[in-house]
Amino acid sequence: MPPQSKTTANEAAMKEVRRLRTEVADLQEKLAEIHSRSDVDVAARDPHPWLRIAATVGVTFVLGKLIQALRLPTATAVAIPMISNEVNRRFL
């Protein structure tokens, strides 16, 4: 391989490396933007995630017992998980 073609190949490789670095920087900026808009911050700030799970179990249990005590139709029992999720979303 002549020296000139080797230099040209090196320059082409360096140009490709610069292009790839620019693309990686752009992707990192996009990823940072996506992370800033996501709920990742909420999960990271929650020091006791098990407390949220316990609250969900408690609300579901209480709603289930309430449905049993009121002798509501079976179709109402299907709504218990949806109701407990809404309660957790709004209050926990």
PDB file of N, CA and C in Angstrom:
ATOM      1  N   MET A   1       0.842  -1.175   0.000  1.00  0.00           N
ATOM      2  CA  MET A   1       0.000   0.000   0.000  1.00  0.00           C
ATOM      3  C   MET A   1       0.888   1.239   0.000  1.00  0.00           C
ATOM      4  N   PRO A   2       0.685   2.133  -0.953  1.00  0.00           N
ATOM      5  CA  PRO A   2       1.510   3.351  -1.001  1.00  0.00           C
ATOM      6  C   PRO A   2       1.230   4.247   0.202  1.00  0.00           C
ATOM      7  N   PRO A   3       2.218   5.047   0.611  1.00  0.00           N
ATOM      8  CA  PRO A   3       2.063   5.906   1.789  1.00  0.00           C
ATOM      9  C   PRO A   3       0.895   6.884   1.660  1.00  0.00           C
ATOM     10  N   GLN A   4       0.639   7.363   0.458  1.00  0.00           N
ATOM     11  CA  GLN A   4      -0.421   8.345   0.278  1.00  0.00           C
ATOM     12  C   GLN A   4      -1.795   7.714   0.541  1.00  0.00           C
ATOM     13  N   SER A   5      -2.037   6.492   0.080  1.00  0.00           N
ATOM     14  CA  SER A   5      -3.326   5.849   0.302  1.00  0.00           C
ATOM     15  C   SER A   5      -3.513   5.490   1.776  1.00  0.00           C
ATOM     16  N   LYS A   6      -2.380   5.205   2.467  1.00  0.00           N
ATOM     17  CA  LYS A   6      -2.455   4.917   3.891  1.00  0.00           C
ATOM     18  C   LYS A   6      -2.877   6.168   4.657  1.00  0.00           C
ATOM     19  N   THR A   7      -2.347   7.318   4.280  1.00  0.00           N
ATOM     20  CA  THR A   7      -2.711   8.590   4.894  1.00  0.00           C
ATOM     21  C   THR A   7      -4.172   8.900   4.618  1.00  0.00           C
ATOM     22  N   THR A   8      -4.616   8.657   3.414  1.00  0.00           N
ATOM     23  CA  THR A   8      -6.005   8.904   3.047  1.00  0.00           C
ATOM     24  C   THR A   8      -6.934   8.001   3.857  1.00  0.00           C
ATOM     25  N   ALA A   9      -6.524   6.770   4.049  1.00  0.00           N
ATOM     26  CA  ALA A   9      -7.333   5.833   4.844  1.00  0.00           C
ATOM     27  C   ALA A   9      -7.390   6.291   6.300  1.00  0.00           C
ATOM     28  N   ASN A  10      -6.257   6.767   6.828  1.00  0.00           N
ATOM     29  CA  ASN A  10      -6.242   7.283   8.202  1.00  0.00           C
ATOM     30  C   ASN A  10      -7.136   8.508   8.342  1.00  0.00           C
ATOM     31  N   GLU A  11      -7.070   9.401   7.378  1.00  0.00           N
ATOM     32  CA  GLU A  11      -7.913  10.600   7.418  1.00  0.00           C
ATOM     33  C   GLU A  11      -9.394  10.230   7.353  1.00  0.00           C
ATOM     34  N   ALA A  12      -9.716   9.252   6.522  1.00  0.00           N
ATOM     35  CA  ALA A  12     -11.107   8.806   6.413  1.00  0.00           C
ATOM     36  C   ALA A  12     -11.573   8.179   7.730  1.00  0.00           C
ATOM     37  N   ALA A  13     -10.676   7.411   8.349  1.00  0.00           N
ATOM     38  CA  ALA A  13     -11.016   6.795   9.628  1.00  0.00           C
ATOM     39  C   ALA A  13     -11.208   7.856  10.706  1.00  0.00           C
ATOM     40  N   MET A  14     -10.337   8.853  10.739  1.00  0.00           N
ATOM     41  CA  MET A  14     -10.457   9.932  11.721  1.00  0.00           C
ATOM     42  C   MET A  14     -11.739  10.732  11.502  1.00  0.00           C
ATOM     43  N   LYS A  15     -12.082  10.941  10.244  1.00  0.00           N
ATOM     44  CA  LYS A  15     -13.317  11.661   9.917  1.00  0.00           C
ATOM     45  C   LYS A  15     -14.529  10.867  10.419  1.00  0.00           C
ATOM     46  N   GLU A  16     -14.504   9.556  10.247  1.00  0.00           N
ATOM     47  CA  GLU A  16     -15.594   8.690  10.710  1.00  0.00           C
ATOM     48  C   GLU A  16     -15.671   8.698  12.238  1.00  0.00           C
ATOM     49  N   VAL A  17     -14.516   8.698  12.910  1.00  0.00           N
ATOM     50  CA  VAL A  17     -14.489   8.751  14.372  1.00  0.00           C
ATOM     51  C   VAL A  17     -15.101  10.064  14.856  1.00  0.00           C
ATOM     52  N   ARG A  18     -14.763  11.174  14.230  1.00  0.00           N
ATOM     53  CA  ARG A  18     -15.342  12.472  14.607  1.00  0.00           C
ATOM     54  C   ARG A  18     -16.850  12.471  14.411  1.00  0.00           C
ATOM     55  N   ARG A  19     -17.305  11.882  13.299  1.00  0.00           N
ATOM     56  CA  ARG A  19     -18.745  11.819  13.024  1.00  0.00           C
ATOM     57  C   ARG A  19     -19.456  10.978  14.079  1.00  0.00           C
ATOM     58  N   LEU A  20     -18.843   9.862  14.433  1.00  0.00           N
ATOM     59  CA  LEU A  20     -19.448   8.992  15.437  1.00  0.00           C
ATOM     60  C   LEU A  20     -19.473   9.661  16.811  1.00  0.00           C
ATOM     61  N   ARG A  21     -18.417  10.386  17.157  1.00  0.00           N
ATOM     62  CA  ARG A  21     -18.396  11.092  18.444  1.00  0.00           C
ATOM     63  C   ARG A  21     -19.490  12.158  18.500  1.00  0.00           C
ATOM     64  N   THR A  22     -19.691  12.843  17.393  1.00  0.00           N
ATOM     65  CA  THR A  22     -20.758  13.845  17.327  1.00  0.00           C
ATOM     66  C   THR A  22     -22.122  13.176  17.494  1.00  0.00           C
ATOM     67  N   GLU A  23     -22.301  12.051  16.844  1.00  0.00           N
ATOM     68  CA  GLU A  23     -23.566  11.324  16.951  1.00  0.00           C
ATOM     69  C   GLU A  23     -23.799  10.826  18.379  1.00  0.00           C
ATOM     70  N   VAL A  24     -22.761  10.329  19.034  1.00  0.00           N
ATOM     71  CA  VAL A  24     -22.884   9.868  20.419  1.00  0.00           C
ATOM     72  C   VAL A  24     -23.243  11.042  21.335  1.00  0.00           C
ATOM     73  N   ALA A  25     -22.625  12.200  21.121  1.00  0.00           N
ATOM     74  CA  ALA A  25     -22.948  13.381  21.932  1.00  0.00           C
ATOM     75  C   ALA A  25     -24.405  13.777  21.745  1.00  0.00           C
ATOM     76  N   ASP A  26     -24.897  13.741  20.518  1.00  0.00           N
ATOM     77  CA  ASP A  26     -26.302  14.056  20.258  1.00  0.00           C
ATOM     78  C   ASP A  26     -27.227  13.067  20.955  1.00  0.00           C
ATOM     79  N   LEU A  27     -26.883  11.789  20.890  1.00  0.00           N
ATOM     80  CA  LEU A  27     -27.705  10.766  21.544  1.00  0.00           C
ATOM     81  C   LEU A  27     -27.691  10.925  23.062  1.00  0.00           C
ATOM     82  N   GLN A  28     -26.543  11.318  23.625  1.00  0.00           N
ATOM     83  CA  GLN A  28     -26.470  11.539  25.071  1.00  0.00           C
ATOM     84  C   GLN A  28     -27.354  12.710  25.486  1.00  0.00           C
ATOM     85  N   GLU A  29     -27.392  13.760  24.665  1.00  0.00           N
ATOM     86  CA  GLU A  29     -28.263  14.898  24.957  1.00  0.00           C
ATOM     87  C   GLU A  29     -29.730  14.479  24.917  1.00  0.00           C
ATOM     88  N   LYS A  30     -30.091  13.693  23.921  1.00  0.00           N
ATOM     89  CA  LYS A  30     -31.472  13.220  23.821  1.00  0.00           C
ATOM     90  C   LYS A  30     -31.837  12.342  25.009  1.00  0.00           C
ATOM     91  N   LEU A  31     -30.932  11.480  25.424  1.00  0.00           N
ATOM     92  CA  LEU A  31     -31.173  10.605  26.560  1.00  0.00           C
ATOM     93  C   LEU A  31     -31.341  11.412  27.845  1.00  0.00           C
ATOM     94  N   ALA A  32     -30.531  12.433  28.025  1.00  0.00           N
ATOM     95  CA  ALA A  32     -30.655  13.289  29.202  1.00  0.00           C
ATOM     96  C   ALA A  32     -32.009  13.992  29.211  1.00  0.00           C
ATOM     97  N   GLU A  33     -32.467  14.422  28.061  1.00  0.00           N
ATOM     98  CA  GLU A  33     -33.779  15.070  27.959  1.00  0.00           C
ATOM     99  C   GLU A  33     -34.894  14.093  28.306  1.00  0.00           C
ATOM    100  N   ILE A  34     -34.792  12.874  27.816  1.00  0.00           N
ATOM    101  CA  ILE A  34     -35.815  11.862  28.102  1.00  0.00           C
ATOM    102  C   ILE A  34     -35.830  11.542  29.596  1.00  0.00           C
ATOM    103  N   HIS A  35     -34.652  11.404  30.201  1.00  0.00           N
ATOM    104  CA  HIS A  35     -34.588  11.121  31.631  1.00  0.00           C
ATOM    105  C   HIS A  35     -35.169  12.263  32.454  1.00  0.00           C
ATOM    106  N   SER A  36     -34.979  13.483  32.007  1.00  0.00           N
ATOM    107  CA  SER A  36     -35.513  14.619  32.763  1.00  0.00           C
ATOM    108  C   SER A  36     -37.030  14.657  32.722  1.00  0.00           C
ATOM    109  N   ARG A  37     -37.638  14.085  31.690  1.00  0.00           N
ATOM    110  CA  ARG A  37     -39.097  14.077  31.577  1.00  0.00           C
ATOM    111  C   ARG A  37     -39.731  12.815  32.140  1.00  0.00           C
ATOM    112  N   SER A  38     -38.949  11.850  32.562  1.00  0.00           N
ATOM    113  CA  SER A  38     -39.508  10.573  32.997  1.00  0.00           C
ATOM    114  C   SER A  38     -39.758  10.565  34.496  1.00  0.00           C
ATOM    115  N   ASP A  39     -40.348   9.462  34.977  1.00  0.00           N
ATOM    116  CA  ASP A  39     -40.636   9.291  36.392  1.00  0.00           C
ATOM    117  C   ASP A  39     -39.464   8.692  37.148  1.00  0.00           C
ATOM    118  N   VAL A  40     -38.321   8.647  36.536  1.00  0.00           N
ATOM    119  CA  VAL A  40     -37.142   8.059  37.178  1.00  0.00           C
ATOM    120  C   VAL A  40     -36.797   8.852  38.436  1.00  0.00           C
ATOM    121  N   ASP A  41     -36.980  10.176  38.394  1.00  0.00           N
ATOM    122  CA  ASP A  41     -36.661  11.003  39.548  1.00  0.00           C
ATOM    123  C   ASP A  41     -37.520  10.630  40.740  1.00  0.00           C
ATOM    124  N   VAL A  42     -38.788  10.331  40.525  1.00  0.00           N
ATOM    125  CA  VAL A  42     -39.689   9.973  41.612  1.00  0.00           C
ATOM    126  C   VAL A  42     -39.219   8.688  42.277  1.00  0.00           C
ATOM    127  N   ALA A  43     -38.853   7.702  41.477  1.00  0.00           N
ATOM    128  CA  ALA A  43     -38.381   6.431  42.032  1.00  0.00           C
ATOM    129  C   ALA A  43     -37.063   6.619  42.777  1.00  0.00           C
ATOM    130  N   ALA A  44     -36.212   7.472  42.277  1.00  0.00           N
ATOM    131  CA  ALA A  44     -34.914   7.682  42.912  1.00  0.00           C
ATOM    132  C   ALA A  44     -35.065   8.405  44.251  1.00  0.00           C
ATOM    133  N   ARG A  45     -36.061   9.277  44.370  1.00  0.00           N
ATOM    134  CA  ARG A  45     -36.259  10.035  45.603  1.00  0.00           C
ATOM    135  C   ARG A  45     -37.012   9.244  46.660  1.00  0.00           C
ATOM    136  N   ASP A  46     -37.678   8.170  46.285  1.00  0.00           N
ATOM    137  CA  ASP A  46     -38.487   7.400  47.220  1.00  0.00           C
ATOM    138  C   ASP A  46     -37.573   6.510  48.059  1.00  0.00           C
ATOM    139  N   PRO A  47     -37.345   6.861  49.337  1.00  0.00           N
ATOM    140  CA  PRO A  47     -36.420   6.067  50.151  1.00  0.00           C
ATOM    141  C   PRO A  47     -37.010   4.737  50.612  1.00  0.00           C
ATOM    142  N   HIS A  48     -38.341   4.606  50.582  1.00  0.00           N
ATOM    143  CA  HIS A  48     -38.996   3.391  51.059  1.00  0.00           C
ATOM    144  C   HIS A  48     -40.011   2.886  50.033  1.00  0.00           C
ATOM    145  N   PRO A  49     -39.551   2.264  48.960  1.00  0.00           N
ATOM    146  CA  PRO A  49     -40.498   1.784  47.953  1.00  0.00           C
ATOM    147  C   PRO A  49     -41.411   0.687  48.489  1.00  0.00           C
ATOM    148  N   TRP A  50     -40.965  -0.057  49.500  1.00  0.00           N
ATOM    149  CA  TRP A  50     -41.782  -1.112  50.081  1.00  0.00           C
ATOM    150  C   TRP A  50     -43.003  -0.534  50.780  1.00  0.00           C
ATOM    151  N   LEU A  51     -42.900   0.716  51.256  1.00  0.00           N
ATOM    152  CA  LEU A  51     -44.036   1.361  51.911  1.00  0.00           C
ATOM    153  C   LEU A  51     -45.173   1.565  50.923  1.00  0.00           C
ATOM    154  N   ARG A  52     -44.827   1.893  49.704  1.00  0.00           N
ATOM    155  CA  ARG A  52     -45.829   2.063  48.654  1.00  0.00           C
ATOM    156  C   ARG A  52     -46.521   0.733  48.357  1.00  0.00           C
ATOM    157  N   ILE A  53     -45.755  -0.338  48.316  1.00  0.00           N
ATOM    158  CA  ILE A  53     -46.318  -1.667  48.060  1.00  0.00           C
ATOM    159  C   ILE A  53     -47.248  -2.055  49.213  1.00  0.00           C
ATOM    160  N   ALA A  54     -46.819  -1.813  50.441  1.00  0.00           N
ATOM    161  CA  ALA A  54     -47.643  -2.142  51.606  1.00  0.00           C
ATOM    162  C   ALA A  54     -48.945  -1.348  51.595  1.00  0.00           C
ATOM    163  N   ALA A  55     -48.875  -0.083  51.214  1.00  0.00           N
ATOM    164  CA  ALA A  55     -50.081   0.732  51.139  1.00  0.00           C
ATOM    165  C   ALA A  55     -51.036   0.198  50.080  1.00  0.00           C
ATOM    166  N   THR A  56     -50.494  -0.235  48.958  1.00  0.00           N
ATOM    167  CA  THR A  56     -51.333  -0.797  47.898  1.00  0.00           C
ATOM    168  C   THR A  56     -52.032  -2.062  48.385  1.00  0.00           C
ATOM    169  N   VAL A  57     -51.297  -2.918  49.064  1.00  0.00           N
ATOM    170  CA  VAL A  57     -51.892  -4.147  49.598  1.00  0.00           C
ATOM    171  C   VAL A  57     -52.977  -3.801  50.619  1.00  0.00           C
ATOM    172  N   GLY A  58     -52.705  -2.847  51.482  1.00  0.00           N
ATOM    173  CA  GLY A  58     -53.682  -2.453  52.502  1.00  0.00           C
ATOM    174  C   GLY A  58     -54.957  -1.890  51.904  1.00  0.00           C
ATOM    175  N   VAL A  59     -54.816  -1.006  50.943  1.00  0.00           N
ATOM    176  CA  VAL A  59     -55.995  -0.417  50.293  1.00  0.00           C
ATOM    177  C   VAL A  59     -56.796  -1.487  49.573  1.00  0.00           C
ATOM    178  N   THR A  60     -56.131  -2.386  48.891  1.00  0.00           N
ATOM    179  CA  THR A  60     -56.825  -3.464  48.184  1.00  0.00           C
ATOM    180  C   THR A  60     -57.562  -4.366  49.169  1.00  0.00           C
ATOM    181  N   PHE A  61     -56.933  -4.695  50.300  1.00  0.00           N
ATOM    182  CA  PHE A  61     -57.568  -5.534  51.305  1.00  0.00           C
ATOM    183  C   PHE A  61     -58.808  -4.862  51.873  1.00  0.00           C
ATOM    184  N   VAL A  62     -58.692  -3.595  52.241  1.00  0.00           N
ATOM    185  CA  VAL A  62     -59.833  -2.863  52.813  1.00  0.00           C
ATOM    186  C   VAL A  62     -60.969  -2.764  51.802  1.00  0.00           C
ATOM    187  N   LEU A  63     -60.665  -2.465  50.562  1.00  0.00           N
ATOM    188  CA  LEU A  63     -61.716  -2.399  49.545  1.00  0.00           C
ATOM    189  C   LEU A  63     -62.378  -3.758  49.341  1.00  0.00           C
ATOM    190  N   GLY A  64     -61.594  -4.815  49.369  1.00  0.00           N
ATOM    191  CA  GLY A  64     -62.151  -6.162  49.229  1.00  0.00           C
ATOM    192  C   GLY A  64     -63.101  -6.499  50.363  1.00  0.00           C
ATOM    193  N   LYS A  65     -62.696  -6.186  51.605  1.00  0.00           N
ATOM    194  CA  LYS A  65     -63.562  -6.440  52.755  1.00  0.00           C
ATOM    195  C   LYS A  65     -64.828  -5.591  52.689  1.00  0.00           C
ATOM    196  N   LEU A  66     -64.698  -4.363  52.208  1.00  0.00           N
ATOM    197  CA  LEU A  66     -65.861  -3.488  52.062  1.00  0.00           C
ATOM    198  C   LEU A  66     -66.842  -4.064  51.048  1.00  0.00           C
ATOM    199  N   ILE A  67     -66.336  -4.550  49.943  1.00  0.00           N
ATOM    200  CA  ILE A  67     -67.197  -5.151  48.920  1.00  0.00           C
ATOM    201  C   ILE A  67     -67.889  -6.395  49.492  1.00  0.00           C
ATOM    202  N   GLN A  68     -67.166  -7.205  50.259  1.00  0.00           N
ATOM    203  CA  GLN A  68     -67.770  -8.398  50.869  1.00  0.00           C
ATOM    204  C   GLN A  68     -68.856  -8.018  51.871  1.00  0.00           C
ATOM    205  N   ALA A  69     -68.587  -7.007  52.679  1.00  0.00           N
ATOM    206  CA  ALA A  69     -69.545  -6.602  53.711  1.00  0.00           C
ATOM    207  C   ALA A  69     -70.816  -6.019  53.097  1.00  0.00           C
ATOM    208  N   LEU A  70     -70.676  -5.325  52.007  1.00  0.00           N
ATOM    209  CA  LEU A  70     -71.841  -4.698  51.364  1.00  0.00           C
ATOM    210  C   LEU A  70     -72.574  -5.665  50.438  1.00  0.00           C
ATOM    211  N   ARG A  71     -72.003  -6.843  50.226  1.00  0.00           N
ATOM    212  CA  ARG A  71     -72.588  -7.865  49.350  1.00  0.00           C
ATOM    213  C   ARG A  71     -72.891  -7.297  47.960  1.00  0.00           C
ATOM    214  N   LEU A  72     -71.929  -6.563  47.433  1.00  0.00           N
ATOM    215  CA  LEU A  72     -72.085  -5.995  46.097  1.00  0.00           C
ATOM    216  C   LEU A  72     -71.860  -7.081  45.056  1.00  0.00           C
ATOM    217  N   PRO A  73     -72.344  -6.868  43.840  1.00  0.00           N
ATOM    218  CA  PRO A  73     -72.188  -7.894  42.798  1.00  0.00           C
ATOM    219  C   PRO A  73     -70.722  -8.207  42.498  1.00  0.00           C
ATOM    220  N   THR A  74     -70.494  -9.354  41.913  1.00  0.00           N
ATOM    221  CA  THR A  74     -69.144  -9.810  41.583  1.00  0.00           C
ATOM    222  C   THR A  74     -68.446  -8.852  40.629  1.00  0.00           C
ATOM    223  N   ALA A  75     -69.230  -8.258  39.735  1.00  0.00           N
ATOM    224  CA  ALA A  75     -68.630  -7.322  38.773  1.00  0.00           C
ATOM    225  C   ALA A  75     -67.960  -6.156  39.491  1.00  0.00           C
ATOM    226  N   THR A  76     -68.472  -5.788  40.642  1.00  0.00           N
ATOM    227  CA  THR A  76     -67.871  -4.689  41.402  1.00  0.00           C
ATOM    228  C   THR A  76     -66.500  -5.104  41.929  1.00  0.00           C
ATOM    229  N   ALA A  77     -66.339  -6.375  42.260  1.00  0.00           N
ATOM    230  CA  ALA A  77     -65.064  -6.860  42.781  1.00  0.00           C
ATOM    231  C   ALA A  77     -63.943  -6.724  41.749  1.00  0.00           C
ATOM    232  N   VAL A  78     -64.322  -6.753  40.489  1.00  0.00           N
ATOM    233  CA  VAL A  78     -63.319  -6.599  39.427  1.00  0.00           C
ATOM    234  C   VAL A  78     -62.723  -5.196  39.463  1.00  0.00           C
ATOM    235  N   ALA A  79     -63.496  -4.233  39.955  1.00  0.00           N
ATOM    236  CA  ALA A  79     -63.042  -2.845  39.970  1.00  0.00           C
ATOM    237  C   ALA A  79     -62.075  -2.555  41.117  1.00  0.00           C
ATOM    238  N   ILE A  80     -61.920  -3.455  42.067  1.00  0.00           N
ATOM    239  CA  ILE A  80     -61.066  -3.194  43.233  1.00  0.00           C
ATOM    240  C   ILE A  80     -59.634  -2.839  42.844  1.00  0.00           C
ATOM    241  N   PRO A  81     -58.966  -3.604  41.973  1.00  0.00           N
ATOM    242  CA  PRO A  81     -57.595  -3.210  41.617  1.00  0.00           C
ATOM    243  C   PRO A  81     -57.521  -1.843  40.933  1.00  0.00           C
ATOM    244  N   MET A  82     -58.518  -1.538  40.117  1.00  0.00           N
ATOM    245  CA  MET A  82     -58.514  -0.226  39.445  1.00  0.00           C
ATOM    246  C   MET A  82     -58.698   0.894  40.458  1.00  0.00           C
ATOM    247  N   ILE A  83     -59.571   0.689  41.433  1.00  0.00           N
ATOM    248  CA  ILE A  83     -59.799   1.708  42.455  1.00  0.00           C
ATOM    249  C   ILE A  83     -58.549   1.896  43.301  1.00  0.00           C
ATOM    250  N   SER A  84     -57.918   0.799  43.714  1.00  0.00           N
ATOM    251  CA  SER A  84     -56.726   0.928  44.554  1.00  0.00           C
ATOM    252  C   SER A  84     -55.579   1.591  43.790  1.00  0.00           C
ATOM    253  N   ASN A  85     -55.456   1.308  42.509  1.00  0.00           N
ATOM    254  CA  ASN A  85     -54.424   1.988  41.710  1.00  0.00           C
ATOM    255  C   ASN A  85     -54.681   3.482  41.639  1.00  0.00           C
ATOM    256  N   GLU A  86     -55.927   3.866  41.485  1.00  0.00           N
ATOM    257  CA  GLU A  86     -56.261   5.293  41.431  1.00  0.00           C
ATOM    258  C   GLU A  86     -55.979   5.967  42.761  1.00  0.00           C
ATOM    259  N   VAL A  87     -56.318   5.293  43.855  1.00  0.00           N
ATOM    260  CA  VAL A  87     -56.044   5.851  45.187  1.00  0.00           C
ATOM    261  C   VAL A  87     -54.545   6.025  45.360  1.00  0.00           C
ATOM    262  N   ASN A  88     -53.781   5.023  44.996  1.00  0.00           N
ATOM    263  CA  ASN A  88     -52.324   5.121  45.128  1.00  0.00           C
ATOM    264  C   ASN A  88     -51.749   6.214  44.251  1.00  0.00           C
ATOM    265  N   ARG A  89     -52.268   6.361  43.055  1.00  0.00           N
ATOM    266  CA  ARG A  89     -51.755   7.372  42.143  1.00  0.00           C
ATOM    267  C   ARG A  89     -52.002   8.777  42.701  1.00  0.00           C
ATOM    268  N   ARG A  90     -53.147   8.976  43.313  1.00  0.00           N
ATOM    269  CA  ARG A  90     -53.489  10.313  43.779  1.00  0.00           C
ATOM    270  C   ARG A  90     -52.912  10.665  45.151  1.00  0.00           C
ATOM    271  N   PHE A  91     -52.815   9.672  46.023  1.00  0.00           N
ATOM    272  CA  PHE A  91     -52.463   9.990  47.400  1.00  0.00           C
ATOM    273  C   PHE A  91     -51.096   9.496  47.842  1.00  0.00           C
ATOM    274  N   LEU A  92     -50.565   8.508  47.166  1.00  0.00           N
ATOM    275  CA  LEU A  92     -49.270   7.975  47.610  1.00  0.00           C
ATOM    276  C   LEU A  92     -48.148   8.375  46.696  1.00  0.00           C
TER     277      LEU A  92
END
